[in-house]
Amino acid sequence: MHKNLDRRDHYAVIFTSKLKHPAHGYEEMAFQMEELAKKQPGFLGVESARSDLGITVSYWTDQEAVKNWKEQLEHLKAQELGKSKWYDWYKVHVCKIERAYQFTSTD
């Protein structure tokens, strides 16, 4: 699922959004963008949840990888479609991860 997310000094891009209704074609594009992101240099992983509010967090090795993803041609096209077709609003936060840990139940 994730490539070594317990490492120090990586970056998270937090994308929070509210979809318009209906949002025809959105799910397919979201899947395509996740598959494309996985192929990008510096990609570490992604987590996503959607109900009324959507939150996707992607993880990257460094700021250069984040910048390259933002400027990737197919991703730029998806961003424009999002603005014109799918989103009421969105916001993006880019954060440096200084520490990370997790819990997994053994049940």
PDB file of N, CA and C in Angstrom:
ATOM      1  N   MET A   1       0.816  -1.194   0.000  1.00  0.00           N
ATOM      2  CA  MET A   1       0.000   0.000   0.000  1.00  0.00           C
ATOM      3  C   MET A   1       0.857   1.254   0.000  1.00  0.00           C
ATOM      4  N   HIS A   2       1.788   1.366   0.934  1.00  0.00           N
ATOM      5  CA  HIS A   2       2.617   2.556   1.021  1.00  0.00           C
ATOM      6  C   HIS A   2       4.076   2.151   1.076  1.00  0.00           C
ATOM      7  N   LYS A   3       4.913   2.971   0.507  1.00  0.00           N
ATOM      8  CA  LYS A   3       6.349   2.736   0.505  1.00  0.00           C
ATOM      9  C   LYS A   3       6.990   3.459   1.675  1.00  0.00           C
ATOM     10  N   ASN A   4       7.188   2.783   2.784  1.00  0.00           N
ATOM     11  CA  ASN A   4       7.980   3.317   3.887  1.00  0.00           C
ATOM     12  C   ASN A   4       7.489   4.678   4.385  1.00  0.00           C
ATOM     13  N   LEU A   5       6.238   4.786   4.747  1.00  0.00           N
ATOM     14  CA  LEU A   5       5.702   6.061   5.215  1.00  0.00           C
ATOM     15  C   LEU A   5       6.128   6.405   6.632  1.00  0.00           C
ATOM     16  N   ASP A   6       6.837   5.516   7.304  1.00  0.00           N
ATOM     17  CA  ASP A   6       7.341   5.862   8.625  1.00  0.00           C
ATOM     18  C   ASP A   6       8.684   6.586   8.537  1.00  0.00           C
ATOM     19  N   ARG A   7       9.166   6.817   7.343  1.00  0.00           N
ATOM     20  CA  ARG A   7      10.417   7.537   7.145  1.00  0.00           C
ATOM     21  C   ARG A   7      10.257   8.993   7.581  1.00  0.00           C
ATOM     22  N   ARG A   8      11.338   9.615   7.917  1.00  0.00           N
ATOM     23  CA  ARG A   8      11.314  11.029   8.284  1.00  0.00           C
ATOM     24  C   ARG A   8      11.454  11.894   7.044  1.00  0.00           C
ATOM     25  N   ASP A   9      11.050  13.130   7.197  1.00  0.00           N
ATOM     26  CA  ASP A   9      11.288  14.157   6.191  1.00  0.00           C
ATOM     27  C   ASP A   9      10.755  13.804   4.807  1.00  0.00           C
ATOM     28  N   HIS A  10       9.493  13.443   4.742  1.00  0.00           N
ATOM     29  CA  HIS A  10       8.829  13.345   3.454  1.00  0.00           C
ATOM     30  C   HIS A  10       7.687  14.359   3.449  1.00  0.00           C
ATOM     31  N   TYR A  11       6.937  14.408   2.385  1.00  0.00           N
ATOM     32  CA  TYR A  11       5.915  15.440   2.222  1.00  0.00           C
ATOM     33  C   TYR A  11       4.545  14.815   1.992  1.00  0.00           C
ATOM     34  N   ALA A  12       3.536  15.529   2.473  1.00  0.00           N
ATOM     35  CA  ALA A  12       2.151  15.138   2.246  1.00  0.00           C
ATOM     36  C   ALA A  12       1.443  16.269   1.517  1.00  0.00           C
ATOM     37  N   VAL A  13       0.674  15.907   0.507  1.00  0.00           N
ATOM     38  CA  VAL A  13      -0.202  16.854  -0.181  1.00  0.00           C
ATOM     39  C   VAL A  13      -1.622  16.472   0.228  1.00  0.00           C
ATOM     40  N   ILE A  14      -2.270  17.373   0.948  1.00  0.00           N
ATOM     41  CA  ILE A  14      -3.620  17.123   1.448  1.00  0.00           C
ATOM     42  C   ILE A  14      -4.598  17.888   0.563  1.00  0.00           C
ATOM     43  N   PHE A  15      -5.430  17.142  -0.144  1.00  0.00           N
ATOM     44  CA  PHE A  15      -6.401  17.704  -1.082  1.00  0.00           C
ATOM     45  C   PHE A  15      -7.790  17.480  -0.501  1.00  0.00           C
ATOM     46  N   THR A  16      -8.441  18.558  -0.099  1.00  0.00           N
ATOM     47  CA  THR A  16      -9.778  18.503   0.486  1.00  0.00           C
ATOM     48  C   THR A  16     -10.744  19.148  -0.504  1.00  0.00           C
ATOM     49  N   SER A  17     -11.886  18.495  -0.749  1.00  0.00           N
ATOM     50  CA  SER A  17     -12.779  19.014  -1.789  1.00  0.00           C
ATOM     51  C   SER A  17     -14.237  18.712  -1.489  1.00  0.00           C
ATOM     52  N   LYS A  18     -15.074  19.483  -2.161  1.00  0.00           N
ATOM     53  CA  LYS A  18     -16.522  19.275  -2.146  1.00  0.00           C
ATOM     54  C   LYS A  18     -16.962  19.163  -3.597  1.00  0.00           C
ATOM     55  N   LEU A  19     -17.567  18.024  -3.944  1.00  0.00           N
ATOM     56  CA  LEU A  19     -18.002  17.786  -5.317  1.00  0.00           C
ATOM     57  C   LEU A  19     -19.344  18.444  -5.608  1.00  0.00           C
ATOM     58  N   LYS A  20     -19.513  18.851  -6.868  1.00  0.00           N
ATOM     59  CA  LYS A  20     -20.830  19.228  -7.371  1.00  0.00           C
ATOM     60  C   LYS A  20     -21.616  17.937  -7.567  1.00  0.00           C
ATOM     61  N   HIS A  21     -22.951  18.065  -7.644  1.00  0.00           N
ATOM     62  CA  HIS A  21     -23.770  16.891  -7.924  1.00  0.00           C
ATOM     63  C   HIS A  21     -24.641  17.187  -9.112  1.00  0.00           C
ATOM     64  N   PRO A  22     -24.661  16.359 -10.116  1.00  0.00           N
ATOM     65  CA  PRO A  22     -23.879  15.138 -10.243  1.00  0.00           C
ATOM     66  C   PRO A  22     -22.447  15.453 -10.673  1.00  0.00           C
ATOM     67  N   ALA A  23     -21.566  14.487 -10.486  1.00  0.00           N
ATOM     68  CA  ALA A  23     -20.159  14.637 -10.865  1.00  0.00           C
ATOM     69  C   ALA A  23     -19.789  13.511 -11.829  1.00  0.00           C
ATOM     70  N   HIS A  24     -20.486  13.473 -12.949  1.00  0.00           N
ATOM     71  CA  HIS A  24     -20.287  12.410 -13.936  1.00  0.00           C
ATOM     72  C   HIS A  24     -18.831  12.362 -14.406  1.00  0.00           C
ATOM     73  N   GLY A  25     -18.255  11.179 -14.352  1.00  0.00           N
ATOM     74  CA  GLY A  25     -16.890  10.978 -14.827  1.00  0.00           C
ATOM     75  C   GLY A  25     -15.831  11.196 -13.766  1.00  0.00           C
ATOM     76  N   TYR A  26     -16.221  11.706 -12.602  1.00  0.00           N
ATOM     77  CA  TYR A  26     -15.233  12.015 -11.565  1.00  0.00           C
ATOM     78  C   TYR A  26     -14.520  10.764 -11.046  1.00  0.00           C
ATOM     79  N   GLU A  27     -15.272   9.730 -10.706  1.00  0.00           N
ATOM     80  CA  GLU A  27     -14.665   8.522 -10.126  1.00  0.00           C
ATOM     81  C   GLU A  27     -13.638   7.903 -11.064  1.00  0.00           C
ATOM     82  N   GLU A  28     -13.946   7.870 -12.345  1.00  0.00           N
ATOM     83  CA  GLU A  28     -13.012   7.309 -13.324  1.00  0.00           C
ATOM     84  C   GLU A  28     -11.724   8.129 -13.375  1.00  0.00           C
ATOM     85  N   MET A  29     -11.869   9.462 -13.375  1.00  0.00           N
ATOM     86  CA  MET A  29     -10.692  10.325 -13.418  1.00  0.00           C
ATOM     87  C   MET A  29      -9.879  10.193 -12.131  1.00  0.00           C
ATOM     88  N   ALA A  30     -10.548  10.116 -10.997  1.00  0.00           N
ATOM     89  CA  ALA A  30      -9.840   9.958  -9.720  1.00  0.00           C
ATOM     90  C   ALA A  30      -9.016   8.676  -9.732  1.00  0.00           C
ATOM     91  N   PHE A  31      -9.589   7.598 -10.236  1.00  0.00           N
ATOM     92  CA  PHE A  31      -8.859   6.334 -10.339  1.00  0.00           C
ATOM     93  C   PHE A  31      -7.657   6.473 -11.267  1.00  0.00           C
ATOM     94  N   GLN A  32      -7.855   7.102 -12.423  1.00  0.00           N
ATOM     95  CA  GLN A  32      -6.757   7.302 -13.376  1.00  0.00           C
ATOM     96  C   GLN A  32      -5.635   8.127 -12.764  1.00  0.00           C
ATOM     97  N   MET A  33      -5.984   9.174 -12.008  1.00  0.00           N
ATOM     98  CA  MET A  33      -4.960  10.029 -11.394  1.00  0.00           C
ATOM     99  C   MET A  33      -4.187   9.276 -10.314  1.00  0.00           C
ATOM    100  N   GLU A  34      -4.867   8.433  -9.560  1.00  0.00           N
ATOM    101  CA  GLU A  34      -4.165   7.645  -8.548  1.00  0.00           C
ATOM    102  C   GLU A  34      -3.188   6.679  -9.218  1.00  0.00           C
ATOM    103  N   GLU A  35      -3.618   6.029 -10.280  1.00  0.00           N
ATOM    104  CA  GLU A  35      -2.733   5.108 -11.008  1.00  0.00           C
ATOM    105  C   GLU A  35      -1.550   5.856 -11.615  1.00  0.00           C
ATOM    106  N   LEU A  36      -1.785   7.043 -12.141  1.00  0.00           N
ATOM    107  CA  LEU A  36      -0.716   7.858 -12.712  1.00  0.00           C
ATOM    108  C   LEU A  36       0.261   8.321 -11.634  1.00  0.00           C
ATOM    109  N   ALA A  37      -0.267   8.751 -10.499  1.00  0.00           N
ATOM    110  CA  ALA A  37       0.588   9.201  -9.391  1.00  0.00           C
ATOM    111  C   ALA A  37       1.537   8.089  -8.950  1.00  0.00           C
ATOM    112  N   LYS A  38       1.040   6.863  -8.898  1.00  0.00           N
ATOM    113  CA  LYS A  38       1.853   5.724  -8.467  1.00  0.00           C
ATOM    114  C   LYS A  38       3.083   5.519  -9.354  1.00  0.00           C
ATOM    115  N   LYS A  39       3.022   6.004 -10.587  1.00  0.00           N
ATOM    116  CA  LYS A  39       4.131   5.838 -11.535  1.00  0.00           C
ATOM    117  C   LYS A  39       5.132   6.986 -11.489  1.00  0.00           C
ATOM    118  N   GLN A  40       4.838   8.025 -10.703  1.00  0.00           N
ATOM    119  CA  GLN A  40       5.684   9.210 -10.686  1.00  0.00           C
ATOM    120  C   GLN A  40       6.883   9.012  -9.764  1.00  0.00           C
ATOM    121  N   PRO A  41       8.058   9.519 -10.176  1.00  0.00           N
ATOM    122  CA  PRO A  41       9.228   9.473  -9.292  1.00  0.00           C
ATOM    123  C   PRO A  41       8.931  10.209  -7.985  1.00  0.00           C
ATOM    124  N   GLY A  42       9.297   9.599  -6.876  1.00  0.00           N
ATOM    125  CA  GLY A  42       9.105  10.221  -5.578  1.00  0.00           C
ATOM    126  C   GLY A  42       7.788   9.910  -4.908  1.00  0.00           C
ATOM    127  N   PHE A  43       6.887   9.192  -5.575  1.00  0.00           N
ATOM    128  CA  PHE A  43       5.596   8.829  -4.976  1.00  0.00           C
ATOM    129  C   PHE A  43       5.811   7.781  -3.894  1.00  0.00           C
ATOM    130  N   LEU A  44       5.171   7.996  -2.727  1.00  0.00           N
ATOM    131  CA  LEU A  44       5.283   7.045  -1.623  1.00  0.00           C
ATOM    132  C   LEU A  44       3.978   6.339  -1.292  1.00  0.00           C
ATOM    133  N   GLY A  45       2.839   6.987  -1.519  1.00  0.00           N
ATOM    134  CA  GLY A  45       1.566   6.361  -1.199  1.00  0.00           C
ATOM    135  C   GLY A  45       0.430   7.361  -1.236  1.00  0.00           C
ATOM    136  N   VAL A  46      -0.789   6.844  -1.059  1.00  0.00           N
ATOM    137  CA  VAL A  46      -1.973   7.702  -1.086  1.00  0.00           C
ATOM    138  C   VAL A  46      -3.046   7.101  -0.185  1.00  0.00           C
ATOM    139  N   GLU A  47      -3.811   7.975   0.448  1.00  0.00           N
ATOM    140  CA  GLU A  47      -4.962   7.589   1.257  1.00  0.00           C
ATOM    141  C   GLU A  47      -6.103   8.524   0.868  1.00  0.00           C
ATOM    142  N   SER A  48      -7.316   7.969   0.797  1.00  0.00           N
ATOM    143  CA  SER A  48      -8.429   8.796   0.347  1.00  0.00           C
ATOM    144  C   SER A  48      -9.721   8.354   1.027  1.00  0.00           C
ATOM    145  N   ALA A  49     -10.575   9.327   1.303  1.00  0.00           N
ATOM    146  CA  ALA A  49     -11.909   9.057   1.856  1.00  0.00           C
ATOM    147  C   ALA A  49     -12.868  10.071   1.266  1.00  0.00           C
ATOM    148  N   ARG A  50     -14.082   9.601   0.990  1.00  0.00           N
ATOM    149  CA  ARG A  50     -15.073  10.517   0.443  1.00  0.00           C
ATOM    150  C   ARG A  50     -16.443  10.171   1.001  1.00  0.00           C
ATOM    151  N   SER A  51     -17.109  11.185   1.502  1.00  0.00           N
ATOM    152  CA  SER A  51     -18.534  11.123   1.796  1.00  0.00           C
ATOM    153  C   SER A  51     -19.070  12.461   1.319  1.00  0.00           C
ATOM    154  N   ASP A  52     -19.507  13.322   2.211  1.00  0.00           N
ATOM    155  CA  ASP A  52     -19.916  14.664   1.800  1.00  0.00           C
ATOM    156  C   ASP A  52     -18.692  15.500   1.455  1.00  0.00           C
ATOM    157  N   LEU A  53     -17.604  15.256   2.180  1.00  0.00           N
ATOM    158  CA  LEU A  53     -16.338  15.954   1.984  1.00  0.00           C
ATOM    159  C   LEU A  53     -15.298  14.930   1.542  1.00  0.00           C
ATOM    160  N   GLY A  54     -14.504  15.258   0.543  1.00  0.00           N
ATOM    161  CA  GLY A  54     -13.458  14.352   0.089  1.00  0.00           C
ATOM    162  C   GLY A  54     -12.102  14.794   0.599  1.00  0.00           C
ATOM    163  N   ILE A  55     -11.310  13.839   1.046  1.00  0.00           N
ATOM    164  CA  ILE A  55      -9.951  14.121   1.483  1.00  0.00           C
ATOM    165  C   ILE A  55      -9.031  13.072   0.875  1.00  0.00           C
ATOM    166  N   THR A  56      -8.035  13.528   0.147  1.00  0.00           N
ATOM    167  CA  THR A  56      -7.013  12.645  -0.399  1.00  0.00           C
ATOM    168  C   THR A  56      -5.667  13.169   0.058  1.00  0.00           C
ATOM    169  N   VAL A  57      -4.867  12.282   0.625  1.00  0.00           N
ATOM    170  CA  VAL A  57      -3.521  12.634   1.056  1.00  0.00           C
ATOM    171  C   VAL A  57      -2.550  11.789   0.254  1.00  0.00           C
ATOM    172  N   SER A  58      -1.685  12.455  -0.503  1.00  0.00           N
ATOM    173  CA  SER A  58      -0.634  11.736  -1.217  1.00  0.00           C
ATOM    174  C   SER A  58       0.700  12.069  -0.560  1.00  0.00           C
ATOM    175  N   TYR A  59       1.598  11.097  -0.587  1.00  0.00           N
ATOM    176  CA  TYR A  59       2.883  11.224   0.095  1.00  0.00           C
ATOM    177  C   TYR A  59       4.013  11.173  -0.925  1.00  0.00           C
ATOM    178  N   TRP A  60       5.017  12.030  -0.719  1.00  0.00           N
ATOM    179  CA  TRP A  60       6.095  12.219  -1.686  1.00  0.00           C
ATOM    180  C   TRP A  60       7.437  12.331  -0.964  1.00  0.00           C
ATOM    181  N   THR A  61       8.496  11.964  -1.651  1.00  0.00           N
ATOM    182  CA  THR A  61       9.823  11.969  -1.040  1.00  0.00           C
ATOM    183  C   THR A  61      10.346  13.363  -0.752  1.00  0.00           C
ATOM    184  N   ASP A  62      10.022  14.329  -1.634  1.00  0.00           N
ATOM    185  CA  ASP A  62      10.600  15.666  -1.486  1.00  0.00           C
ATOM    186  C   ASP A  62       9.744  16.694  -2.224  1.00  0.00           C
ATOM    187  N   GLN A  63      10.099  17.960  -2.053  1.00  0.00           N
ATOM    188  CA  GLN A  63       9.342  19.045  -2.680  1.00  0.00           C
ATOM    189  C   GLN A  63       9.408  18.982  -4.201  1.00  0.00           C
ATOM    190  N   GLU A  64      10.519  18.534  -4.741  1.00  0.00           N
ATOM    191  CA  GLU A  64      10.653  18.415  -6.196  1.00  0.00           C
ATOM    192  C   GLU A  64       9.628  17.422  -6.756  1.00  0.00           C
ATOM    193  N   ALA A  65       9.446  16.299  -6.070  1.00  0.00           N
ATOM    194  CA  ALA A  65       8.454  15.309  -6.503  1.00  0.00           C
ATOM    195  C   ALA A  65       7.044  15.898  -6.444  1.00  0.00           C
ATOM    196  N   VAL A  66       6.737  16.667  -5.400  1.00  0.00           N
ATOM    197  CA  VAL A  66       5.435  17.329  -5.281  1.00  0.00           C
ATOM    198  C   VAL A  66       5.232  18.296  -6.445  1.00  0.00           C
ATOM    199  N   LYS A  67       6.230  19.104  -6.726  1.00  0.00           N
ATOM    200  CA  LYS A  67       6.165  20.083  -7.821  1.00  0.00           C
ATOM    201  C   LYS A  67       5.967  19.381  -9.167  1.00  0.00           C
ATOM    202  N   ASN A  68       6.717  18.311  -9.395  1.00  0.00           N
ATOM    203  CA  ASN A  68       6.606  17.581 -10.662  1.00  0.00           C
ATOM    204  C   ASN A  68       5.219  16.968 -10.829  1.00  0.00           C
ATOM    205  N   TRP A  69       4.629  16.476  -9.739  1.00  0.00           N
ATOM    206  CA  TRP A  69       3.276  15.922  -9.818  1.00  0.00           C
ATOM    207  C   TRP A  69       2.273  17.020 -10.149  1.00  0.00           C
ATOM    208  N   LYS A  70       2.381  18.165  -9.494  1.00  0.00           N
ATOM    209  CA  LYS A  70       1.463  19.276  -9.765  1.00  0.00           C
ATOM    210  C   LYS A  70       1.521  19.694 -11.231  1.00  0.00           C
ATOM    211  N   GLU A  71       2.701  19.608 -11.834  1.00  0.00           N
ATOM    212  CA  GLU A  71       2.901  20.077 -13.204  1.00  0.00           C
ATOM    213  C   GLU A  71       2.827  18.961 -14.251  1.00  0.00           C
ATOM    214  N   GLN A  72       2.513  17.732 -13.850  1.00  0.00           N
ATOM    215  CA  GLN A  72       2.427  16.612 -14.786  1.00  0.00           C
ATOM    216  C   GLN A  72       1.266  16.877 -15.757  1.00  0.00           C
ATOM    217  N   LEU A  73       1.496  16.689 -17.042  1.00  0.00           N
ATOM    218  CA  LEU A  73       0.553  17.105 -18.088  1.00  0.00           C
ATOM    219  C   LEU A  73      -0.849  16.515 -17.916  1.00  0.00           C
ATOM    220  N   GLU A  74      -0.976  15.220 -17.729  1.00  0.00           N
ATOM    221  CA  GLU A  74      -2.303  14.617 -17.573  1.00  0.00           C
ATOM    222  C   GLU A  74      -2.963  15.089 -16.277  1.00  0.00           C
ATOM    223  N   HIS A  75      -2.171  15.294 -15.246  1.00  0.00           N
ATOM    224  CA  HIS A  75      -2.702  15.806 -13.979  1.00  0.00           C
ATOM    225  C   HIS A  75      -3.201  17.243 -14.154  1.00  0.00           C
ATOM    226  N   LEU A  76      -2.487  18.057 -14.932  1.00  0.00           N
ATOM    227  CA  LEU A  76      -2.944  19.429 -15.224  1.00  0.00           C
ATOM    228  C   LEU A  76      -4.304  19.422 -15.921  1.00  0.00           C
ATOM    229  N   LYS A  77      -4.489  18.496 -16.865  1.00  0.00           N
ATOM    230  CA  LYS A  77      -5.777  18.387 -17.558  1.00  0.00           C
ATOM    231  C   LYS A  77      -6.889  18.010 -16.583  1.00  0.00           C
ATOM    232  N   ALA A  78      -6.589  17.075 -15.676  1.00  0.00           N
ATOM    233  CA  ALA A  78      -7.579  16.668 -14.674  1.00  0.00           C
ATOM    234  C   ALA A  78      -7.908  17.825 -13.740  1.00  0.00           C
ATOM    235  N   GLN A  79      -6.903  18.625 -13.387  1.00  0.00           N
ATOM    236  CA  GLN A  79      -7.142  19.788 -12.526  1.00  0.00           C
ATOM    237  C   GLN A  79      -8.116  20.758 -13.192  1.00  0.00           C
ATOM    238  N   GLU A  80      -7.930  21.010 -14.468  1.00  0.00           N
ATOM    239  CA  GLU A  80      -8.819  21.926 -15.195  1.00  0.00           C
ATOM    240  C   GLU A  80     -10.238  21.380 -15.275  1.00  0.00           C
ATOM    241  N   LEU A  81     -10.362  20.071 -15.537  1.00  0.00           N
ATOM    242  CA  LEU A  81     -11.699  19.465 -15.546  1.00  0.00           C
ATOM    243  C   LEU A  81     -12.347  19.573 -14.165  1.00  0.00           C
ATOM    244  N   GLY A  82     -11.557  19.381 -13.134  1.00  0.00           N
ATOM    245  CA  GLY A  82     -12.084  19.506 -11.779  1.00  0.00           C
ATOM    246  C   GLY A  82     -12.660  20.880 -11.529  1.00  0.00           C
ATOM    247  N   LYS A  83     -11.950  21.903 -11.939  1.00  0.00           N
ATOM    248  CA  LYS A  83     -12.422  23.284 -11.741  1.00  0.00           C
ATOM    249  C   LYS A  83     -13.675  23.571 -12.546  1.00  0.00           C
ATOM    250  N   SER A  84     -13.705  23.111 -13.792  1.00  0.00           N
ATOM    251  CA  SER A  84     -14.811  23.463 -14.673  1.00  0.00           C
ATOM    252  C   SER A  84     -16.024  22.553 -14.515  1.00  0.00           C
ATOM    253  N   LYS A  85     -15.816  21.332 -14.003  1.00  0.00           N
ATOM    254  CA  LYS A  85     -16.868  20.333 -14.085  1.00  0.00           C
ATOM    255  C   LYS A  85     -17.274  19.712 -12.748  1.00  0.00           C
ATOM    256  N   TRP A  86     -16.322  19.422 -11.849  1.00  0.00           N
ATOM    257  CA  TRP A  86     -16.616  18.540 -10.727  1.00  0.00           C
ATOM    258  C   TRP A  86     -16.651  19.187  -9.351  1.00  0.00           C
ATOM    259  N   TYR A  87     -15.863  20.223  -9.104  1.00  0.00           N
ATOM    260  CA  TYR A  87     -15.730  20.728  -7.740  1.00  0.00           C
ATOM    261  C   TYR A  87     -16.532  21.997  -7.484  1.00  0.00           C
ATOM    262  N   ASP A  88     -17.216  22.023  -6.335  1.00  0.00           N
ATOM    263  CA  ASP A  88     -17.736  23.280  -5.817  1.00  0.00           C
ATOM    264  C   ASP A  88     -16.567  24.089  -5.282  1.00  0.00           C
ATOM    265  N   TRP A  89     -15.652  23.408  -4.596  1.00  0.00           N
ATOM    266  CA  TRP A  89     -14.439  24.049  -4.087  1.00  0.00           C
ATOM    267  C   TRP A  89     -13.420  22.970  -3.738  1.00  0.00           C
ATOM    268  N   TYR A  90     -12.175  23.387  -3.628  1.00  0.00           N
ATOM    269  CA  TYR A  90     -11.134  22.515  -3.094  1.00  0.00           C
ATOM    270  C   TYR A  90     -10.041  23.371  -2.481  1.00  0.00           C
ATOM    271  N   LYS A  91      -9.248  22.739  -1.639  1.00  0.00           N
ATOM    272  CA  LYS A  91      -8.062  23.397  -1.101  1.00  0.00           C
ATOM    273  C   LYS A  91      -6.951  22.355  -1.005  1.00  0.00           C
ATOM    274  N   VAL A  92      -5.726  22.855  -1.061  1.00  0.00           N
ATOM    275  CA  VAL A  92      -4.548  21.989  -1.041  1.00  0.00           C
ATOM    276  C   VAL A  92      -3.595  22.500   0.028  1.00  0.00           C
ATOM    277  N   HIS A  93      -3.081  21.583   0.827  1.00  0.00           N
ATOM    278  CA  HIS A  93      -2.029  21.887   1.786  1.00  0.00           C
ATOM    279  C   HIS A  93      -0.848  20.973   1.468  1.00  0.00           C
ATOM    280  N   VAL A  94       0.342  21.536   1.420  1.00  0.00           N
ATOM    281  CA  VAL A  94       1.564  20.755   1.254  1.00  0.00           C
ATOM    282  C   VAL A  94       2.319  20.857   2.578  1.00  0.00           C
ATOM    283  N   CYS A  95       2.594  19.711   3.175  1.00  0.00           N
ATOM    284  CA  CYS A  95       3.170  19.674   4.518  1.00  0.00           C
ATOM    285  C   CYS A  95       4.412  18.798   4.558  1.00  0.00           C
ATOM    286  N   LYS A  96       5.366  19.202   5.342  1.00  0.00           N
ATOM    287  CA  LYS A  96       6.540  18.370   5.599  1.00  0.00           C
ATOM    288  C   LYS A  96       6.228  17.465   6.782  1.00  0.00           C
ATOM    289  N   ILE A  97       6.436  16.178   6.609  1.00  0.00           N
ATOM    290  CA  ILE A  97       6.212  15.201   7.671  1.00  0.00           C
ATOM    291  C   ILE A  97       7.520  15.036   8.434  1.00  0.00           C
ATOM    292  N   GLU A  98       7.492  15.384   9.683  1.00  0.00           N
ATOM    293  CA  GLU A  98       8.692  15.264  10.507  1.00  0.00           C
ATOM    294  C   GLU A  98       8.691  13.996  11.348  1.00  0.00           C
ATOM    295  N   ARG A  99       7.501  13.474  11.603  1.00  0.00           N
ATOM    296  CA  ARG A  99       7.383  12.251  12.381  1.00  0.00           C
ATOM    297  C   ARG A  99       6.099  11.560  11.969  1.00  0.00           C
ATOM    298  N   ALA A 100       6.117  10.237  11.941  1.00  0.00           N
ATOM    299  CA  ALA A 100       4.917   9.460  11.608  1.00  0.00           C
ATOM    300  C   ALA A 100       4.963   8.139  12.354  1.00  0.00           C
ATOM    301  N   TYR A 101       3.800   7.674  12.748  1.00  0.00           N
ATOM    302  CA  TYR A 101       3.687   6.356  13.367  1.00  0.00           C
ATOM    303  C   TYR A 101       2.292   5.834  13.119  1.00  0.00           C
ATOM    304  N   GLN A 102       2.069   4.560  13.374  1.00  0.00           N
ATOM    305  CA  GLN A 102       0.773   3.974  13.117  1.00  0.00           C
ATOM    306  C   GLN A 102       0.461   2.860  14.107  1.00  0.00           C
ATOM    307  N   PHE A 103      -0.789   2.458  14.149  1.00  0.00           N
ATOM    308  CA  PHE A 103      -1.272   1.338  14.937  1.00  0.00           C
ATOM    309  C   PHE A 103      -2.040   0.423  14.022  1.00  0.00           C
ATOM    310  N   THR A 104      -1.867  -0.872  14.167  1.00  0.00           N
ATOM    311  CA  THR A 104      -2.641  -1.854  13.433  1.00  0.00           C
ATOM    312  C   THR A 104      -3.110  -2.912  14.420  1.00  0.00           C
ATOM    313  N   SER A 105      -4.396  -3.137  14.481  1.00  0.00           N
ATOM    314  CA  SER A 105      -4.957  -4.149  15.364  1.00  0.00           C
ATOM    315  C   SER A 105      -4.587  -5.534  14.859  1.00  0.00           C
ATOM    316  N   THR A 106      -4.335  -6.442  15.760  1.00  0.00           N
ATOM    317  CA  THR A 106      -4.004  -7.812  15.372  1.00  0.00           C
ATOM    318  C   THR A 106      -5.226  -8.697  15.375  1.00  0.00           C
ATOM    319  N   ASP A 107      -6.418  -8.143  15.707  1.00  0.00           N
ATOM    320  CA  ASP A 107      -7.653  -8.929  15.722  1.00  0.00           C
ATOM    321  C   ASP A 107      -8.143  -9.218  14.334  1.00  0.00           C
TER     322      ASP A 107
END
